[in-house]
Amino acid sequence: MPGFVLLARDRADGDPARRIGITVSKKVGNAVVRNRMKRRFRSLAREVLSAHGLPGHDHVLIGRAGGIERPYADLVRDLVKAIGRVAPRP
């Protein structure tokens, strides 16, 4: 199971910028765990969203329990797959 949920929303404002939001609830762990997960998500977003993100969309990563233990390579694969799922169909 992935360590996050991805939400994507088309801004429909004509701006092709890809924006990111990150949230991790207190259910996931204490402040140290939550901040560590947010740092991993920021790194993940820099790496993956620049190449695979949807232009003109806001992307929100919601951290889930177990995401901190997942290997980084698995998170990259999960995010690429999740972006493919939320991409608009022609």
PDB file of N, CA and C in Angstrom:
ATOM      1  N   MET A   1       0.842  -1.175   0.000  1.00  0.00           N
ATOM      2  CA  MET A   1       0.000   0.000   0.000  1.00  0.00           C
ATOM      3  C   MET A   1       0.889   1.241   0.000  1.00  0.00           C
ATOM      4  N   PRO A   2       0.567   2.221  -0.861  1.00  0.00           N
ATOM      5  CA  PRO A   2       1.403   3.425  -0.934  1.00  0.00           C
ATOM      6  C   PRO A   2       1.378   4.197   0.379  1.00  0.00           C
ATOM      7  N   GLY A   3       2.392   4.994   0.595  1.00  0.00           N
ATOM      8  CA  GLY A   3       2.496   5.772   1.821  1.00  0.00           C
ATOM      9  C   GLY A   3       1.824   7.125   1.726  1.00  0.00           C
ATOM     10  N   PHE A   4       1.030   7.344   0.667  1.00  0.00           N
ATOM     11  CA  PHE A   4       0.380   8.634   0.494  1.00  0.00           C
ATOM     12  C   PHE A   4      -0.862   8.482  -0.371  1.00  0.00           C
ATOM     13  N   VAL A   5      -1.655   9.541  -0.381  1.00  0.00           N
ATOM     14  CA  VAL A   5      -2.784   9.684  -1.303  1.00  0.00           C
ATOM     15  C   VAL A   5      -2.477  10.917  -2.136  1.00  0.00           C
ATOM     16  N   LEU A   6      -2.715  10.842  -3.441  1.00  0.00           N
ATOM     17  CA  LEU A   6      -2.481  11.986  -4.318  1.00  0.00           C
ATOM     18  C   LEU A   6      -3.815  12.533  -4.790  1.00  0.00           C
ATOM     19  N   LEU A   7      -3.991  13.828  -4.630  1.00  0.00           N
ATOM     20  CA  LEU A   7      -5.138  14.527  -5.192  1.00  0.00           C
ATOM     21  C   LEU A   7      -4.601  15.527  -6.206  1.00  0.00           C
ATOM     22  N   ALA A   8      -5.287  15.672  -7.325  1.00  0.00           N
ATOM     23  CA  ALA A   8      -4.881  16.644  -8.341  1.00  0.00           C
ATOM     24  C   ALA A   8      -6.118  17.401  -8.799  1.00  0.00           C
ATOM     25  N   ARG A   9      -5.977  18.714  -8.915  1.00  0.00           N
ATOM     26  CA  ARG A   9      -7.089  19.556  -9.313  1.00  0.00           C
ATOM     27  C   ARG A   9      -6.614  20.513 -10.392  1.00  0.00           C
ATOM     28  N   ASP A  10      -7.357  20.565 -11.483  1.00  0.00           N
ATOM     29  CA  ASP A  10      -7.052  21.493 -12.565  1.00  0.00           C
ATOM     30  C   ASP A  10      -7.470  22.894 -12.131  1.00  0.00           C
ATOM     31  N   ARG A  11      -6.532  23.834 -12.187  1.00  0.00           N
ATOM     32  CA  ARG A  11      -6.835  25.207 -11.785  1.00  0.00           C
ATOM     33  C   ARG A  11      -7.618  25.947 -12.856  1.00  0.00           C
ATOM     34  N   ALA A  12      -7.496  25.548 -14.106  1.00  0.00           N
ATOM     35  CA  ALA A  12      -8.202  26.160 -15.234  1.00  0.00           C
ATOM     36  C   ALA A  12      -7.957  27.665 -15.302  1.00  0.00           C
ATOM     37  N   ASP A  13      -6.745  28.090 -15.004  1.00  0.00           N
ATOM     38  CA  ASP A  13      -6.424  29.513 -15.067  1.00  0.00           C
ATOM     39  C   ASP A  13      -5.443  29.837 -16.188  1.00  0.00           C
ATOM     40  N   GLY A  14      -5.076  28.846 -16.980  1.00  0.00           N
ATOM     41  CA  GLY A  14      -4.172  29.068 -18.098  1.00  0.00           C
ATOM     42  C   GLY A  14      -2.705  29.069 -17.728  1.00  0.00           C
ATOM     43  N   ASP A  15      -2.389  28.984 -16.448  1.00  0.00           N
ATOM     44  CA  ASP A  15      -1.002  28.959 -15.989  1.00  0.00           C
ATOM     45  C   ASP A  15      -0.526  27.508 -15.964  1.00  0.00           C
ATOM     46  N   PRO A  16       0.537  27.172 -16.705  1.00  0.00           N
ATOM     47  CA  PRO A  16       0.983  25.776 -16.760  1.00  0.00           C
ATOM     48  C   PRO A  16       1.804  25.312 -15.550  1.00  0.00           C
ATOM     49  N   ALA A  17       1.956  26.164 -14.532  1.00  0.00           N
ATOM     50  CA  ALA A  17       2.770  25.800 -13.367  1.00  0.00           C
ATOM     51  C   ALA A  17       2.170  24.605 -12.634  1.00  0.00           C
ATOM     52  N   ARG A  18       3.046  23.747 -12.126  1.00  0.00           N
ATOM     53  CA  ARG A  18       2.637  22.594 -11.316  1.00  0.00           C
ATOM     54  C   ARG A  18       2.883  22.965  -9.865  1.00  0.00           C
ATOM     55  N   ARG A  19       1.828  22.994  -9.067  1.00  0.00           N
ATOM     56  CA  ARG A  19       1.988  23.354  -7.663  1.00  0.00           C
ATOM     57  C   ARG A  19       1.794  22.121  -6.790  1.00  0.00           C
ATOM     58  N   ILE A  20       2.399  22.162  -5.607  1.00  0.00           N
ATOM     59  CA  ILE A  20       2.351  21.015  -4.702  1.00  0.00           C
ATOM     60  C   ILE A  20       1.921  21.468  -3.313  1.00  0.00           C
ATOM     61  N   GLY A  21       1.114  20.631  -2.678  1.00  0.00           N
ATOM     62  CA  GLY A  21       0.746  20.818  -1.285  1.00  0.00           C
ATOM     63  C   GLY A  21       1.017  19.508  -0.562  1.00  0.00           C
ATOM     64  N   ILE A  22       1.439  19.597   0.680  1.00  0.00           N
ATOM     65  CA  ILE A  22       1.777  18.404   1.447  1.00  0.00           C
ATOM     66  C   ILE A  22       1.108  18.503   2.808  1.00  0.00           C
ATOM     67  N   THR A  23       0.467  17.418   3.231  1.00  0.00           N
ATOM     68  CA  THR A  23      -0.130  17.380   4.556  1.00  0.00           C
ATOM     69  C   THR A  23       0.089  15.995   5.164  1.00  0.00           C
ATOM     70  N   VAL A  24       0.394  15.987   6.455  1.00  0.00           N
ATOM     71  CA  VAL A  24       0.575  14.749   7.205  1.00  0.00           C
ATOM     72  C   VAL A  24      -0.107  14.954   8.549  1.00  0.00           C
ATOM     73  N   SER A  25      -1.089  14.133   8.868  1.00  0.00           N
ATOM     74  CA  SER A  25      -1.848  14.328  10.103  1.00  0.00           C
ATOM     75  C   SER A  25      -1.108  13.769  11.317  1.00  0.00           C
ATOM     76  N   LYS A  26      -1.591  14.147  12.482  1.00  0.00           N
ATOM     77  CA  LYS A  26      -0.986  13.685  13.732  1.00  0.00           C
ATOM     78  C   LYS A  26      -1.168  12.191  13.942  1.00  0.00           C
ATOM     79  N   LYS A  27      -2.087  11.577  13.230  1.00  0.00           N
ATOM     80  CA  LYS A  27      -2.288  10.132  13.337  1.00  0.00           C
ATOM     81  C   LYS A  27      -1.059   9.359  12.855  1.00  0.00           C
ATOM     82  N   VAL A  28      -0.286   9.978  11.982  1.00  0.00           N
ATOM     83  CA  VAL A  28       0.885   9.314  11.402  1.00  0.00           C
ATOM     84  C   VAL A  28       2.005   9.171  12.422  1.00  0.00           C
ATOM     85  N   GLY A  29       2.172  10.155  13.278  1.00  0.00           N
ATOM     86  CA  GLY A  29       3.244  10.081  14.273  1.00  0.00           C
ATOM     87  C   GLY A  29       3.495  11.424  14.919  1.00  0.00           C
ATOM     88  N   ASN A  30       4.569  11.484  15.679  1.00  0.00           N
ATOM     89  CA  ASN A  30       4.893  12.733  16.352  1.00  0.00           C
ATOM     90  C   ASN A  30       5.492  13.730  15.357  1.00  0.00           C
ATOM     91  N   ALA A  31       5.850  14.910  15.833  1.00  0.00           N
ATOM     92  CA  ALA A  31       6.333  15.981  14.961  1.00  0.00           C
ATOM     93  C   ALA A  31       7.581  15.580  14.186  1.00  0.00           C
ATOM     94  N   VAL A  32       8.455  14.832  14.811  1.00  0.00           N
ATOM     95  CA  VAL A  32       9.689  14.415  14.140  1.00  0.00           C
ATOM     96  C   VAL A  32       9.366  13.525  12.941  1.00  0.00           C
ATOM     97  N   VAL A  33       8.470  12.587  13.128  1.00  0.00           N
ATOM     98  CA  VAL A  33       8.075  11.665  12.049  1.00  0.00           C
ATOM     99  C   VAL A  33       7.362  12.431  10.941  1.00  0.00           C
ATOM    100  N   ARG A  34       6.435  13.316  11.318  1.00  0.00           N
ATOM    101  CA  ARG A  34       5.685  14.076  10.315  1.00  0.00           C
ATOM    102  C   ARG A  34       6.605  14.967   9.495  1.00  0.00           C
ATOM    103  N   ASN A  35       7.531  15.655  10.147  1.00  0.00           N
ATOM    104  CA  ASN A  35       8.452  16.529   9.413  1.00  0.00           C
ATOM    105  C   ASN A  35       9.380  15.736   8.504  1.00  0.00           C
ATOM    106  N   ARG A  36       9.821  14.581   8.966  1.00  0.00           N
ATOM    107  CA  ARG A  36      10.669  13.732   8.129  1.00  0.00           C
ATOM    108  C   ARG A  36       9.909  13.284   6.883  1.00  0.00           C
ATOM    109  N   MET A  37       8.637  12.920   7.069  1.00  0.00           N
ATOM    110  CA  MET A  37       7.824  12.501   5.933  1.00  0.00           C
ATOM    111  C   MET A  37       7.616  13.666   4.965  1.00  0.00           C
ATOM    112  N   LYS A  38       7.398  14.855   5.479  1.00  0.00           N
ATOM    113  CA  LYS A  38       7.217  16.019   4.610  1.00  0.00           C
ATOM    114  C   LYS A  38       8.489  16.325   3.820  1.00  0.00           C
ATOM    115  N   ARG A  39       9.650  16.167   4.438  1.00  0.00           N
ATOM    116  CA  ARG A  39      10.915  16.365   3.709  1.00  0.00           C
ATOM    117  C   ARG A  39      11.050  15.352   2.583  1.00  0.00           C
ATOM    118  N   ARG A  40      10.682  14.102   2.848  1.00  0.00           N
ATOM    119  CA  ARG A  40      10.738  13.071   1.798  1.00  0.00           C
ATOM    120  C   ARG A  40       9.780  13.416   0.661  1.00  0.00           C
ATOM    121  N   PHE A  41       8.578  13.906   1.003  1.00  0.00           N
ATOM    122  CA  PHE A  41       7.599  14.275  -0.020  1.00  0.00           C
ATOM    123  C   PHE A  41       8.076  15.455  -0.855  1.00  0.00           C
ATOM    124  N   ARG A  42       8.730  16.440  -0.234  1.00  0.00           N
ATOM    125  CA  ARG A  42       9.254  17.579  -0.990  1.00  0.00           C
ATOM    126  C   ARG A  42      10.309  17.117  -1.996  1.00  0.00           C
ATOM    127  N   SER A  43      11.182  16.232  -1.560  1.00  0.00           N
ATOM    128  CA  SER A  43      12.203  15.690  -2.450  1.00  0.00           C
ATOM    129  C   SER A  43      11.556  14.887  -3.582  1.00  0.00           C
ATOM    130  N   LEU A  44      10.577  14.111  -3.223  1.00  0.00           N
ATOM    131  CA  LEU A  44       9.839  13.313  -4.204  1.00  0.00           C
ATOM    132  C   LEU A  44       9.162  14.219  -5.231  1.00  0.00           C
ATOM    133  N   ALA A  45       8.551  15.294  -4.770  1.00  0.00           N
ATOM    134  CA  ALA A  45       7.867  16.220  -5.676  1.00  0.00           C
ATOM    135  C   ALA A  45       8.857  16.891  -6.623  1.00  0.00           C
ATOM    136  N   ARG A  46      10.012  17.311  -6.104  1.00  0.00           N
ATOM    137  CA  ARG A  46      11.011  17.931  -6.976  1.00  0.00           C
ATOM    138  C   ARG A  46      11.451  16.974  -8.077  1.00  0.00           C
ATOM    139  N   GLU A  47      11.630  15.719  -7.707  1.00  0.00           N
ATOM    140  CA  GLU A  47      12.126  14.730  -8.656  1.00  0.00           C
ATOM    141  C   GLU A  47      11.070  14.303  -9.668  1.00  0.00           C
ATOM    142  N   VAL A  48       9.856  14.044  -9.209  1.00  0.00           N
ATOM    143  CA  VAL A  48       8.843  13.411 -10.056  1.00  0.00           C
ATOM    144  C   VAL A  48       7.920  14.422 -10.733  1.00  0.00           C
ATOM    145  N   LEU A  49       7.458  15.428 -10.019  1.00  0.00           N
ATOM    146  CA  LEU A  49       6.475  16.342 -10.597  1.00  0.00           C
ATOM    147  C   LEU A  49       7.035  17.174 -11.734  1.00  0.00           C
ATOM    148  N   SER A  50       8.314  17.479 -11.705  1.00  0.00           N
ATOM    149  CA  SER A  50       8.891  18.254 -12.797  1.00  0.00           C
ATOM    150  C   SER A  50       8.810  17.494 -14.120  1.00  0.00           C
ATOM    151  N   ALA A  51       8.895  16.181 -14.068  1.00  0.00           N
ATOM    152  CA  ALA A  51       8.850  15.372 -15.285  1.00  0.00           C
ATOM    153  C   ALA A  51       7.464  14.801 -15.575  1.00  0.00           C
ATOM    154  N   HIS A  52       6.726  14.404 -14.537  1.00  0.00           N
ATOM    155  CA  HIS A  52       5.477  13.681 -14.743  1.00  0.00           C
ATOM    156  C   HIS A  52       4.233  14.424 -14.269  1.00  0.00           C
ATOM    157  N   GLY A  53       4.408  15.544 -13.578  1.00  0.00           N
ATOM    158  CA  GLY A  53       3.265  16.273 -13.039  1.00  0.00           C
ATOM    159  C   GLY A  53       2.362  16.813 -14.136  1.00  0.00           C
ATOM    160  N   LEU A  54       1.123  17.084 -13.782  1.00  0.00           N
ATOM    161  CA  LEU A  54       0.152  17.582 -14.734  1.00  0.00           C
ATOM    162  C   LEU A  54       0.241  19.107 -14.810  1.00  0.00           C
ATOM    163  N   PRO A  55       0.503  19.666 -15.978  1.00  0.00           N
ATOM    164  CA  PRO A  55       0.604  21.124 -16.097  1.00  0.00           C
ATOM    165  C   PRO A  55      -0.727  21.789 -15.744  1.00  0.00           C
ATOM    166  N   GLY A  56      -0.634  22.901 -15.026  1.00  0.00           N
ATOM    167  CA  GLY A  56      -1.837  23.645 -14.672  1.00  0.00           C
ATOM    168  C   GLY A  56      -2.654  23.031 -13.552  1.00  0.00           C
ATOM    169  N   HIS A  57      -2.064  22.097 -12.824  1.00  0.00           N
ATOM    170  CA  HIS A  57      -2.771  21.413 -11.740  1.00  0.00           C
ATOM    171  C   HIS A  57      -2.126  21.700 -10.388  1.00  0.00           C
ATOM    172  N   ASP A  58      -2.947  21.627  -9.356  1.00  0.00           N
ATOM    173  CA  ASP A  58      -2.466  21.604  -7.984  1.00  0.00           C
ATOM    174  C   ASP A  58      -2.399  20.143  -7.564  1.00  0.00           C
ATOM    175  N   HIS A  59      -1.274  19.709  -7.055  1.00  0.00           N
ATOM    176  CA  HIS A  59      -1.079  18.333  -6.583  1.00  0.00           C
ATOM    177  C   HIS A  59      -0.974  18.366  -5.066  1.00  0.00           C
ATOM    178  N   VAL A  60      -1.707  17.510  -4.395  1.00  0.00           N
ATOM    179  CA  VAL A  60      -1.666  17.440  -2.939  1.00  0.00           C
ATOM    180  C   VAL A  60      -1.291  16.020  -2.535  1.00  0.00           C
ATOM    181  N   LEU A  61      -0.234  15.895  -1.757  1.00  0.00           N
ATOM    182  CA  LEU A  61       0.186  14.608  -1.209  1.00  0.00           C
ATOM    183  C   LEU A  61      -0.267  14.550   0.244  1.00  0.00           C
ATOM    184  N   ILE A  62      -1.033  13.532   0.571  1.00  0.00           N
ATOM    185  CA  ILE A  62      -1.507  13.321   1.937  1.00  0.00           C
ATOM    186  C   ILE A  62      -0.774  12.111   2.486  1.00  0.00           C
ATOM    187  N   GLY A  63       0.046  12.324   3.501  1.00  0.00           N
ATOM    188  CA  GLY A  63       0.851  11.247   4.078  1.00  0.00           C
ATOM    189  C   GLY A  63       0.003  10.255   4.844  1.00  0.00           C
ATOM    190  N   ARG A  64       0.342   8.996   4.718  1.00  0.00           N
ATOM    191  CA  ARG A  64      -0.340   7.910   5.421  1.00  0.00           C
ATOM    192  C   ARG A  64       0.652   7.157   6.292  1.00  0.00           C
ATOM    193  N   ALA A  65       0.111   6.502   7.296  1.00  0.00           N
ATOM    194  CA  ALA A  65       0.953   5.683   8.182  1.00  0.00           C
ATOM    195  C   ALA A  65       1.654   4.621   7.341  1.00  0.00           C
ATOM    196  N   GLY A  66       2.887   4.388   7.607  1.00  0.00           N
ATOM    197  CA  GLY A  66       3.654   3.414   6.850  1.00  0.00           C
ATOM    198  C   GLY A  66       4.454   4.043   5.723  1.00  0.00           C
ATOM    199  N   GLY A  67       4.162   5.273   5.381  1.00  0.00           N
ATOM    200  CA  GLY A  67       4.886   5.940   4.302  1.00  0.00           C
ATOM    201  C   GLY A  67       6.322   6.246   4.656  1.00  0.00           C
ATOM    202  N   ILE A  68       6.586   6.428   5.920  1.00  0.00           N
ATOM    203  CA  ILE A  68       7.940   6.763   6.344  1.00  0.00           C
ATOM    204  C   ILE A  68       8.867   5.552   6.228  1.00  0.00           C
ATOM    205  N   GLU A  69       8.310   4.344   6.328  1.00  0.00           N
ATOM    206  CA  GLU A  69       9.131   3.134   6.244  1.00  0.00           C
ATOM    207  C   GLU A  69       9.345   2.663   4.807  1.00  0.00           C
ATOM    208  N   ARG A  70       8.534   3.157   3.859  1.00  0.00           N
ATOM    209  CA  ARG A  70       8.673   2.698   2.478  1.00  0.00           C
ATOM    210  C   ARG A  70       9.975   3.194   1.876  1.00  0.00           C
ATOM    211  N   PRO A  71      10.644   2.350   1.120  1.00  0.00           N
ATOM    212  CA  PRO A  71      11.857   2.790   0.430  1.00  0.00           C
ATOM    213  C   PRO A  71      11.542   3.927  -0.552  1.00  0.00           C
ATOM    214  N   TYR A  72      12.483   4.828  -0.714  1.00  0.00           N
ATOM    215  CA  TYR A  72      12.278   6.000  -1.564  1.00  0.00           C
ATOM    216  C   TYR A  72      11.960   5.601  -3.004  1.00  0.00           C
ATOM    217  N   ALA A  73      12.632   4.578  -3.519  1.00  0.00           N
ATOM    218  CA  ALA A  73      12.385   4.133  -4.900  1.00  0.00           C
ATOM    219  C   ALA A  73      10.936   3.671  -5.072  1.00  0.00           C
ATOM    220  N   ASP A  74      10.370   3.030  -4.052  1.00  0.00           N
ATOM    221  CA  ASP A  74       8.967   2.612  -4.118  1.00  0.00           C
ATOM    222  C   ASP A  74       8.043   3.822  -4.129  1.00  0.00           C
ATOM    223  N   LEU A  75       8.382   4.854  -3.355  1.00  0.00           N
ATOM    224  CA  LEU A  75       7.566   6.069  -3.357  1.00  0.00           C
ATOM    225  C   LEU A  75       7.586   6.743  -4.728  1.00  0.00           C
ATOM    226  N   VAL A  76       8.746   6.750  -5.378  1.00  0.00           N
ATOM    227  CA  VAL A  76       8.842   7.331  -6.724  1.00  0.00           C
ATOM    228  C   VAL A  76       7.930   6.577  -7.679  1.00  0.00           C
ATOM    229  N   ARG A  77       8.012   5.254  -7.658  1.00  0.00           N
ATOM    230  CA  ARG A  77       7.150   4.437  -8.528  1.00  0.00           C
ATOM    231  C   ARG A  77       5.674   4.674  -8.223  1.00  0.00           C
ATOM    232  N   ASP A  78       5.334   4.738  -6.945  1.00  0.00           N
ATOM    233  CA  ASP A  78       3.942   4.956  -6.549  1.00  0.00           C
ATOM    234  C   ASP A  78       3.427   6.305  -7.039  1.00  0.00           C
ATOM    235  N   LEU A  79       4.258   7.337  -6.951  1.00  0.00           N
ATOM    236  CA  LEU A  79       3.819   8.666  -7.376  1.00  0.00           C
ATOM    237  C   LEU A  79       3.648   8.736  -8.890  1.00  0.00           C
ATOM    238  N   VAL A  80       4.549   8.146  -9.645  1.00  0.00           N
ATOM    239  CA  VAL A  80       4.407   8.130 -11.108  1.00  0.00           C
ATOM    240  C   VAL A  80       3.125   7.395 -11.492  1.00  0.00           C
ATOM    241  N   LYS A  81       2.864   6.285 -10.835  1.00  0.00           N
ATOM    242  CA  LYS A  81       1.649   5.518 -11.103  1.00  0.00           C
ATOM    243  C   LYS A  81       0.398   6.318 -10.719  1.00  0.00           C
ATOM    244  N   ALA A  82       0.443   7.004  -9.580  1.00  0.00           N
ATOM    245  CA  ALA A  82      -0.704   7.788  -9.127  1.00  0.00           C
ATOM    246  C   ALA A  82      -0.985   8.955 -10.073  1.00  0.00           C
ATOM    247  N   ILE A  83       0.059   9.604 -10.575  1.00  0.00           N
ATOM    248  CA  ILE A  83      -0.135  10.699 -11.526  1.00  0.00           C
ATOM    249  C   ILE A  83      -0.790  10.170 -12.795  1.00  0.00           C
ATOM    250  N   GLY A  84      -0.391   8.982 -13.232  1.00  0.00           N
ATOM    251  CA  GLY A  84      -1.024   8.369 -14.403  1.00  0.00           C
ATOM    252  C   GLY A  84      -2.502   8.103 -14.188  1.00  0.00           C
ATOM    253  N   ARG A  85      -2.867   7.779 -12.971  1.00  0.00           N
ATOM    254  CA  ARG A  85      -4.281   7.500 -12.664  1.00  0.00           C
ATOM    255  C   ARG A  85      -5.128   8.764 -12.611  1.00  0.00           C
ATOM    256  N   VAL A  86      -4.571   9.861 -12.124  1.00  0.00           N
ATOM    257  CA  VAL A  86      -5.355  11.083 -12.005  1.00  0.00           C
ATOM    258  C   VAL A  86      -5.303  11.944 -13.264  1.00  0.00           C
ATOM    259  N   ALA A  87      -4.468  11.567 -14.228  1.00  0.00           N
ATOM    260  CA  ALA A  87      -4.375  12.338 -15.485  1.00  0.00           C
ATOM    261  C   ALA A  87      -5.722  12.309 -16.196  1.00  0.00           C
ATOM    262  N   PRO A  88      -6.138  13.462 -16.723  1.00  0.00           N
ATOM    263  CA  PRO A  88      -7.425  13.496 -17.437  1.00  0.00           C
ATOM    264  C   PRO A  88      -7.398  12.626 -18.687  1.00  0.00           C
ATOM    265  N   ARG A  89      -8.474  11.964 -18.901  1.00  0.00           N
ATOM    266  CA  ARG A  89      -8.607  11.112 -20.097  1.00  0.00           C
ATOM    267  C   ARG A  89      -9.096  11.946 -21.266  1.00  0.00           C
ATOM    268  N   PRO A  90      -8.541  11.734 -22.454  1.00  0.00           N
ATOM    269  CA  PRO A  90      -8.995  12.525 -23.624  1.00  0.00           C
ATOM    270  C   PRO A  90     -10.380  12.122 -24.090  1.00  0.00           C
TER     271      PRO A  90
END
